[in-house]
Amino acid sequence: MRKYDKEIIQKKIDKAEIVSFDIFDTLVFRLVNKPSDVFEFVNLLHNSKSERDDNVYNFKSERIKAEEKARLKSGRQEVTLLGIYQNVGNYNNEIKRKLIEEELFCEKAFILPNIETIGLYRYALKNNKKVIIISDTYLSETF
């Protein structure tokens, strides 16, 4: 971000009562080309830690289909991670629990802060602005 752009944004923050930031691709970057690429790493991580009988195969495509199915069932665009995993494969609940943990681990492992926008976030807080962080993701607030 050029200094000029930063100054313009800071002036807009100065005038605002409430400032909102999207989390992904604004405050943090994912280190994968597409968000669904994380599922390939979930597959690898799970299989590296599990018994052969508990291995998962084609997890990326299964996980994508499960999310689509969860959205169709709910009739809404936004769904929860648990709602998605209710539609993942024919795995028992213990394997699904592990896959959820591994997905959350991989999500965290593949993000980096965007230093420039984090600076704007801090600027807003420093100037006593109400700050809202938004996202259109299935990840919970506690993530």
Foldseek 3Di string as FASTA:
>chain_A
DDPVVLVVVLVVLVVDQEAEAEVEPQFKDFQDPDLLVLQVVLLVVLVVPDDPVLHDDPRSVQLVVLLVVLCVVVVHNADAPVSSLVRGDPHDPVSSVSSVVSSVVSRVVGMDGPVSNVVVVVSSVVVVHHYHYDYRHNYDPVD
